[in-house]
């Protein structure tokens, strides 16, 4: 029996959850594709229904969802979308989560605690995901929780380009809000032109989430513009206290740069009333008008996501998007 020759053809299809359609539309525009039409709604008891209106058989499927509040609903919706694609014979399913949910629960601080970041990875693997694409993980080791390729994209280039264009001619110090992010601060300092670094020595009570006590500043900040970096800003308490500590130590000004603007209450009020010159975030999560304030700059992550999607689809190098090496 002779084999029948075929004509394999790769097709990229982009799918979007309902959490942040504006970001998905922007990514689609950069890719030059349309978001695949779908029917999605909630039943009266809150259960989610999803059905795609076009055939997805044999496609290279990219499913984007921003995990904002209510986070559990949007996680479940993306899981259901992945399940639907698997059962409809999509060839490869890449889950795009610009903000990785439950990333703060990446280890046990005490006994009888969950490691929820691993649970999220297991859920998506079970649902049928072949690959995960995410931006600025809370801790890099989360990449190892998923049994498959993980594309860890860095928003540092997007944020640093804005800072170089706006403040590049000033005396800058890159500041980590805690000792755990000193390595990241070093990378930032190199990107900004080998600037000095500093960090805030702080304590945190694991029994009191979203609360930290800023202690002392370690590093040279007096008379300098401090670029205070972090991966996520939730209630804003940590970053505002760090800003106050820097100004008390004689910093000439503070610019806050973060990737994920969760902005749970009362973050907007805290950031609007703090003495930072500018707060820079990306749109990995939706930031509605009621959470915006003077001094807030929101940069788009869509071009970076689109380039990474193209690299994955064309079997190219994602790493080269950041360090120039294939």
Protein backbone atom coordinates (compact mmCIF):
# COMPACT_ATOMS: atom_id res chain seq x y z
CA UNK A 1 0.00 0.00 0.00
CA UNK A 2 1.55 3.29 -1.08
CA UNK A 3 1.19 6.32 1.21
CA UNK A 4 -0.95 9.22 0.07
CA UNK A 5 1.01 12.49 -0.14
CA UNK A 6 -0.42 15.48 1.69
CA UNK A 7 0.12 19.20 1.71
CA UNK A 8 0.80 20.31 5.28
CA UNK A 9 -0.03 23.96 5.83
CA UNK A 10 0.41 26.01 8.99
CA UNK A 11 -2.36 28.35 10.01
CA UNK A 12 -2.12 30.85 12.84
CA UNK A 13 -5.37 31.60 14.65
CA UNK A 14 -5.73 34.05 17.53
CA UNK A 15 -8.38 33.58 20.22
CA UNK A 16 -9.29 36.05 22.94
CA UNK A 17 -11.04 35.76 26.26
CA UNK A 18 -13.38 38.48 27.46
CA UNK A 19 -11.15 39.95 30.19
CA UNK A 20 -9.11 42.42 28.09
CA UNK A 21 -10.31 42.45 24.45
CA UNK A 22 -8.54 45.76 23.73
CA UNK A 23 -5.12 44.13 24.19
CA UNK A 24 -6.08 41.17 22.03
CA UNK A 25 -7.33 43.47 19.26
CA UNK A 26 -4.05 45.39 19.34
CA UNK A 27 -2.02 42.17 19.14
CA UNK A 28 -4.17 41.02 16.21
CA UNK A 29 -3.54 44.31 14.42
CA UNK A 30 0.23 43.92 14.78
CA UNK A 31 0.00 40.34 13.50
CA UNK A 32 -2.26 41.27 10.60
CA UNK A 33 -4.92 38.71 11.59
CA UNK A 34 -8.47 38.77 12.88
CA UNK A 35 -9.48 37.41 16.27
CA UNK A 36 -11.40 34.20 15.64
CA UNK A 37 -15.11 34.81 16.26
CA UNK A 38 -16.65 32.89 19.13
CA UNK A 39 -19.74 32.63 21.24
CA UNK A 40 -19.10 33.10 24.95
CA UNK A 41 -21.59 33.64 27.72
CA UNK A 42 -22.35 32.76 31.33
CA UNK A 43 -25.25 30.62 32.43
CA UNK A 44 -27.47 31.87 35.25
CA UNK A 45 -25.43 29.99 37.84
CA UNK A 46 -22.13 31.44 36.58
CA UNK A 47 -20.94 28.53 34.45
CA UNK A 48 -19.09 29.60 31.30
CA UNK A 49 -19.88 28.45 27.75
CA UNK A 50 -17.52 28.94 24.78
CA UNK A 51 -17.87 27.85 21.17
CA UNK A 52 -15.69 28.90 18.24
CA UNK A 53 -17.51 29.83 15.05
CA UNK A 54 -14.83 28.61 12.64
CA UNK A 55 -13.02 25.30 12.17
CA UNK A 56 -9.79 25.09 14.17
CA UNK A 57 -8.68 21.63 13.01
CA UNK A 58 -4.91 21.47 12.52
CA UNK A 59 -4.38 25.11 13.45
CA UNK A 60 -1.61 26.73 15.49
CA UNK A 61 -3.85 28.28 18.15
CA UNK A 62 -2.86 31.20 20.40
CA UNK A 63 -5.27 31.89 23.26
CA UNK A 64 -4.82 35.24 25.03
CA UNK A 65 -6.43 36.14 28.34
CA UNK A 66 -5.53 38.78 30.93
CA UNK A 67 -6.21 37.53 34.43
CA UNK A 68 -7.71 40.56 36.09
CA UNK A 69 -10.47 40.80 38.70
CA UNK A 70 -12.50 38.52 38.96
CA UNK A 71 -9.40 36.43 38.39
CA UNK A 72 -10.94 33.00 38.98
CA UNK A 73 -13.61 33.57 36.33
CA UNK A 74 -11.06 34.53 33.68
CA UNK A 75 -8.76 31.62 34.54
CA UNK A 76 -11.71 29.25 34.14
CA UNK A 77 -12.74 30.84 30.85
CA UNK A 78 -9.28 30.38 29.38
CA UNK A 79 -9.17 26.76 30.56
CA UNK A 80 -12.51 26.13 28.85
CA UNK A 81 -11.25 27.76 25.64
CA UNK A 82 -8.18 25.50 25.67
CA UNK A 83 -10.37 22.44 26.27
CA UNK A 84 -12.62 23.41 23.36
CA UNK A 85 -9.62 23.80 21.05
CA UNK A 86 -8.15 20.45 22.08
CA UNK A 87 -11.45 18.67 21.46
CA UNK A 88 -11.77 20.43 18.08
CA UNK A 89 -8.36 19.02 16.98
CA UNK A 90 -6.19 22.14 17.09
CA UNK A 91 -2.64 21.02 16.28
CA UNK A 92 -0.83 23.16 18.87
CA UNK A 93 -2.27 25.35 21.63
CA UNK A 94 -0.26 28.22 23.09
CA UNK A 95 -1.73 29.86 26.18
CA UNK A 96 -0.86 33.57 26.40
CA UNK A 97 -1.25 34.94 29.91
CA UNK A 98 0.41 38.36 30.06
CA UNK A 99 -0.08 38.26 33.84
CA UNK A 100 0.46 34.79 35.32
CA UNK A 101 -2.26 34.19 37.93
CA UNK A 102 -1.41 33.06 41.47
CA UNK A 103 2.28 33.74 40.79
CA UNK A 104 2.86 35.02 44.34
CA UNK A 105 2.07 31.56 45.71
CA UNK A 106 5.16 29.90 44.22
CA UNK A 107 6.44 28.21 47.40
CA UNK A 108 5.39 27.27 50.91
CA UNK A 109 6.25 29.85 53.55
CA UNK A 110 4.74 27.67 56.27
CA UNK A 111 3.31 24.18 56.54
CA UNK A 112 -0.09 23.28 55.06
CA UNK A 113 0.05 26.03 52.42
CA UNK A 114 -0.63 25.53 48.69
CA UNK A 115 1.73 26.16 45.80
CA UNK A 116 -0.95 27.64 43.60
CA UNK A 117 1.39 28.77 40.80
CA UNK A 118 2.16 25.08 40.16
CA UNK A 119 -1.55 24.26 40.28
CA UNK A 120 -2.24 26.79 37.51
CA UNK A 121 0.43 25.17 35.33
CA UNK A 122 -1.04 21.72 35.97
CA UNK A 123 -4.55 22.90 35.14
CA UNK A 124 -3.54 24.30 31.76
CA UNK A 125 -1.46 21.23 30.92
CA UNK A 126 -4.43 18.98 31.73
CA UNK A 127 -6.76 21.19 29.69
CA UNK A 128 -4.55 20.68 26.64
CA UNK A 129 -2.05 23.55 26.50
CA UNK A 130 1.20 22.73 24.68
CA UNK A 131 2.99 25.98 25.47
CA UNK A 132 2.70 28.98 27.78
CA UNK A 133 3.66 32.56 26.97
CA UNK A 134 3.77 35.10 29.80
CA UNK A 135 5.34 38.41 30.78
CA UNK A 136 7.56 39.17 33.80
CA UNK A 137 6.89 36.26 36.11
CA UNK A 138 6.95 37.05 39.83
CA UNK A 139 9.76 34.50 40.15
CA UNK A 140 11.56 32.93 37.19
CA UNK A 141 11.41 29.38 38.56
CA UNK A 142 7.67 29.26 37.78
CA UNK A 143 8.79 28.41 34.24
CA UNK A 144 9.71 24.98 35.57
CA UNK A 145 6.20 24.30 36.88
CA UNK A 146 4.81 23.71 33.37
CA UNK A 147 5.75 20.49 31.60
CA UNK A 148 6.42 22.07 28.23
CA UNK A 149 7.92 25.19 26.64
CA UNK A 150 7.43 28.48 28.50
CA UNK A 151 8.19 31.77 26.76
CA UNK A 152 9.05 34.24 29.51
CA UNK A 153 8.84 37.66 27.88
CA UNK A 154 10.44 40.69 29.51
CA UNK A 155 8.69 44.05 29.66
CA UNK A 156 11.95 45.63 30.77
CA UNK A 157 12.79 46.68 27.22
CA UNK A 158 9.43 48.45 26.79
CA UNK A 159 9.71 50.27 30.12
CA UNK A 160 13.43 51.03 29.87
CA UNK A 161 13.09 52.56 26.40
CA UNK A 162 10.56 55.04 27.79
CA UNK A 163 12.80 55.90 30.74
CA UNK A 164 15.87 56.36 28.54
CA UNK A 165 13.94 58.65 26.20
CA UNK A 166 12.47 60.70 29.07
CA UNK A 167 15.16 60.71 31.77
CA UNK A 168 18.28 59.36 30.07
CA UNK A 169 20.27 62.59 30.53
CA UNK A 170 19.83 62.63 34.32
CA UNK A 171 21.77 60.96 37.14
CA UNK A 172 19.81 57.74 37.58
CA UNK A 173 19.88 55.04 40.22
CA UNK A 174 17.89 51.85 39.69
CA UNK A 175 16.19 50.77 42.90
CA UNK A 176 14.76 47.38 43.79
CA UNK A 177 11.90 47.50 46.32
CA UNK A 178 13.44 44.52 48.15
CA UNK A 179 16.63 42.47 48.25
CA UNK A 180 15.06 39.68 46.18
CA UNK A 181 15.00 41.77 43.01
CA UNK A 182 18.57 43.02 43.07
CA UNK A 183 19.49 40.79 40.12
CA UNK A 184 16.69 42.35 38.08
CA UNK A 185 17.87 45.81 39.13
CA UNK A 186 21.34 44.94 37.83
CA UNK A 187 19.88 44.06 34.41
CA UNK A 188 17.93 47.32 34.40
CA UNK A 189 21.06 49.28 35.35
CA UNK A 190 22.97 47.73 32.45
CA UNK A 191 20.14 48.48 30.01
CA UNK A 192 20.01 52.12 31.14
CA UNK A 193 23.75 52.60 30.64
CA UNK A 194 25.51 50.97 33.60
CA UNK A 195 23.79 53.03 36.27
CA UNK A 196 24.27 52.40 40.01
CA UNK A 197 21.74 50.31 41.89
CA UNK A 198 20.16 50.40 45.34
CA UNK A 199 17.54 48.40 47.21
CA UNK A 200 15.11 48.81 50.07
CA UNK A 201 15.63 46.51 53.02
CA UNK A 202 12.14 45.61 54.20
CA UNK A 203 10.28 43.13 56.34
CA UNK A 204 6.98 41.44 55.58
CA UNK A 205 4.61 39.48 57.80
CA UNK A 206 3.47 36.35 55.87
CA UNK A 207 0.25 36.35 57.91
CA UNK A 208 -0.66 39.84 56.65
CA UNK A 209 -0.83 39.94 52.82
CA UNK A 210 -0.24 43.23 50.97
CA UNK A 211 1.53 44.75 53.97
CA UNK A 212 5.23 45.56 54.16
CA UNK A 213 7.45 47.75 56.27
CA UNK A 214 10.14 49.68 54.43
CA UNK A 215 13.25 49.90 56.55
CA UNK A 216 16.46 51.40 55.21
CA UNK A 217 17.86 52.25 51.80
CA UNK A 218 21.01 50.42 50.77
CA UNK A 219 22.90 52.20 48.00
CA UNK A 220 23.65 55.66 46.62
CA UNK A 221 20.47 57.68 46.06
CA UNK A 222 21.12 61.17 47.44
CA UNK A 223 20.66 63.84 44.79
CA UNK A 224 19.76 61.26 42.14
CA UNK A 225 16.60 60.38 40.19
CA UNK A 226 15.61 56.94 41.41
CA UNK A 227 13.91 54.48 39.07
CA UNK A 228 11.94 52.20 41.40
CA UNK A 229 11.13 48.92 39.63
CA UNK A 230 8.73 46.08 40.42
CA UNK A 231 6.89 43.35 38.53
CA UNK A 232 3.42 44.07 39.94
CA UNK A 233 1.66 46.83 41.83
CA UNK A 234 -1.37 45.53 43.71
CA UNK A 235 -2.53 47.76 46.57
CA UNK A 236 0.49 50.05 46.13
CA UNK A 237 1.54 49.95 49.78
CA UNK A 238 5.02 48.54 49.23
CA UNK A 239 5.96 50.81 46.35
CA UNK A 240 4.63 53.98 48.03
CA UNK A 241 6.56 53.25 51.25
CA UNK A 242 9.68 52.62 49.18
CA UNK A 243 9.15 55.97 47.42
CA UNK A 244 8.89 57.74 50.78
CA UNK A 245 12.05 56.00 52.02
CA UNK A 246 14.01 57.12 48.95
CA UNK A 247 12.88 60.74 49.25
CA UNK A 248 13.73 60.70 52.97
CA UNK A 249 17.23 59.54 52.02
CA UNK A 250 17.68 62.57 49.77
CA UNK A 251 16.68 61.28 46.33
CA UNK A 252 15.96 64.21 44.02
CA UNK A 253 12.92 62.43 42.55
CA UNK A 254 11.38 58.99 42.05
CA UNK A 255 9.95 57.32 38.94
CA UNK A 256 8.01 54.10 39.50
CA UNK A 257 8.14 51.46 36.75
CA UNK A 258 6.04 48.30 37.01
CA UNK A 259 4.81 45.69 34.56
CA UNK A 260 1.47 44.55 35.96
CA UNK A 261 -0.94 47.21 37.21
CA UNK A 262 -3.31 45.16 39.35
CA UNK A 263 -4.28 48.34 41.21
CA UNK A 264 -6.55 46.87 43.85
CA UNK A 265 -8.14 49.46 46.12
CA UNK A 266 -6.69 51.76 47.44
CA UNK A 267 -3.76 51.65 44.99
CA UNK A 268 -5.01 54.46 42.75
CA UNK A 269 -5.39 56.87 45.68
CA UNK A 270 -2.00 55.92 47.13
CA UNK A 271 -0.14 56.31 43.85
CA UNK A 272 -1.95 59.53 42.90
CA UNK A 273 -1.04 61.09 46.25
CA UNK A 274 2.52 59.83 46.54
CA UNK A 275 5.40 62.08 45.58
CA UNK A 276 6.67 60.07 42.62
CA UNK A 277 7.16 62.12 39.47
CA UNK A 278 5.69 59.42 37.19
CA UNK A 279 4.19 55.94 37.48
CA UNK A 280 4.81 53.79 34.40
CA UNK A 281 2.88 50.56 33.80
CA UNK A 282 2.15 48.29 30.86
CA UNK A 283 -1.26 47.11 29.69
CA UNK A 284 -0.79 43.42 30.54
CA UNK A 285 -3.90 44.01 32.66
CA UNK A 286 -6.73 46.40 31.78
CA UNK A 287 -6.50 49.76 33.53
CA UNK A 288 -9.92 51.42 33.22
CA UNK A 289 -10.39 55.17 33.30
CA UNK A 290 -11.54 55.17 36.93
CA UNK A 291 -8.13 53.74 37.95
CA UNK A 292 -6.09 56.28 36.00
CA UNK A 293 -4.66 59.46 37.47
CA UNK A 294 -2.36 62.34 36.51
CA UNK A 295 1.22 61.13 36.33
CA UNK A 296 0.27 57.62 35.16
CA UNK A 297 1.74 56.40 31.87
CA UNK A 298 0.50 53.13 30.36
CA UNK A 299 2.72 51.53 27.70
CA UNK A 300 1.50 48.83 25.34
CA UNK A 301 2.88 45.31 25.55
CA UNK A 302 1.06 44.30 22.34
CA UNK A 303 4.02 44.76 19.92
CA UNK A 304 6.19 42.50 22.11
CA UNK A 305 3.48 39.83 22.32
CA UNK A 306 2.96 39.96 18.56
CA UNK A 307 6.67 39.53 17.84
CA UNK A 308 6.84 36.57 20.21
CA UNK A 309 3.76 34.96 18.62
CA UNK A 310 5.31 35.32 15.16
CA UNK A 311 8.57 33.78 16.40
CA UNK A 312 6.77 30.78 17.90
CA UNK A 313 4.59 30.30 14.81
CA UNK A 314 7.59 30.46 12.47
CA UNK A 315 9.73 28.26 14.77
CA UNK A 316 12.10 31.15 15.35
CA UNK A 317 13.95 32.29 18.46
CA UNK A 318 12.01 34.06 21.20
CA UNK A 319 15.17 34.57 23.26
CA UNK A 320 16.70 36.72 20.52
CA UNK A 321 13.94 39.29 21.09
CA UNK A 322 15.70 40.26 24.32
CA UNK A 323 19.43 39.55 24.12
CA UNK A 324 20.06 39.63 20.37
CA UNK A 325 21.26 36.03 20.31
CA UNK A 326 19.45 33.14 18.65
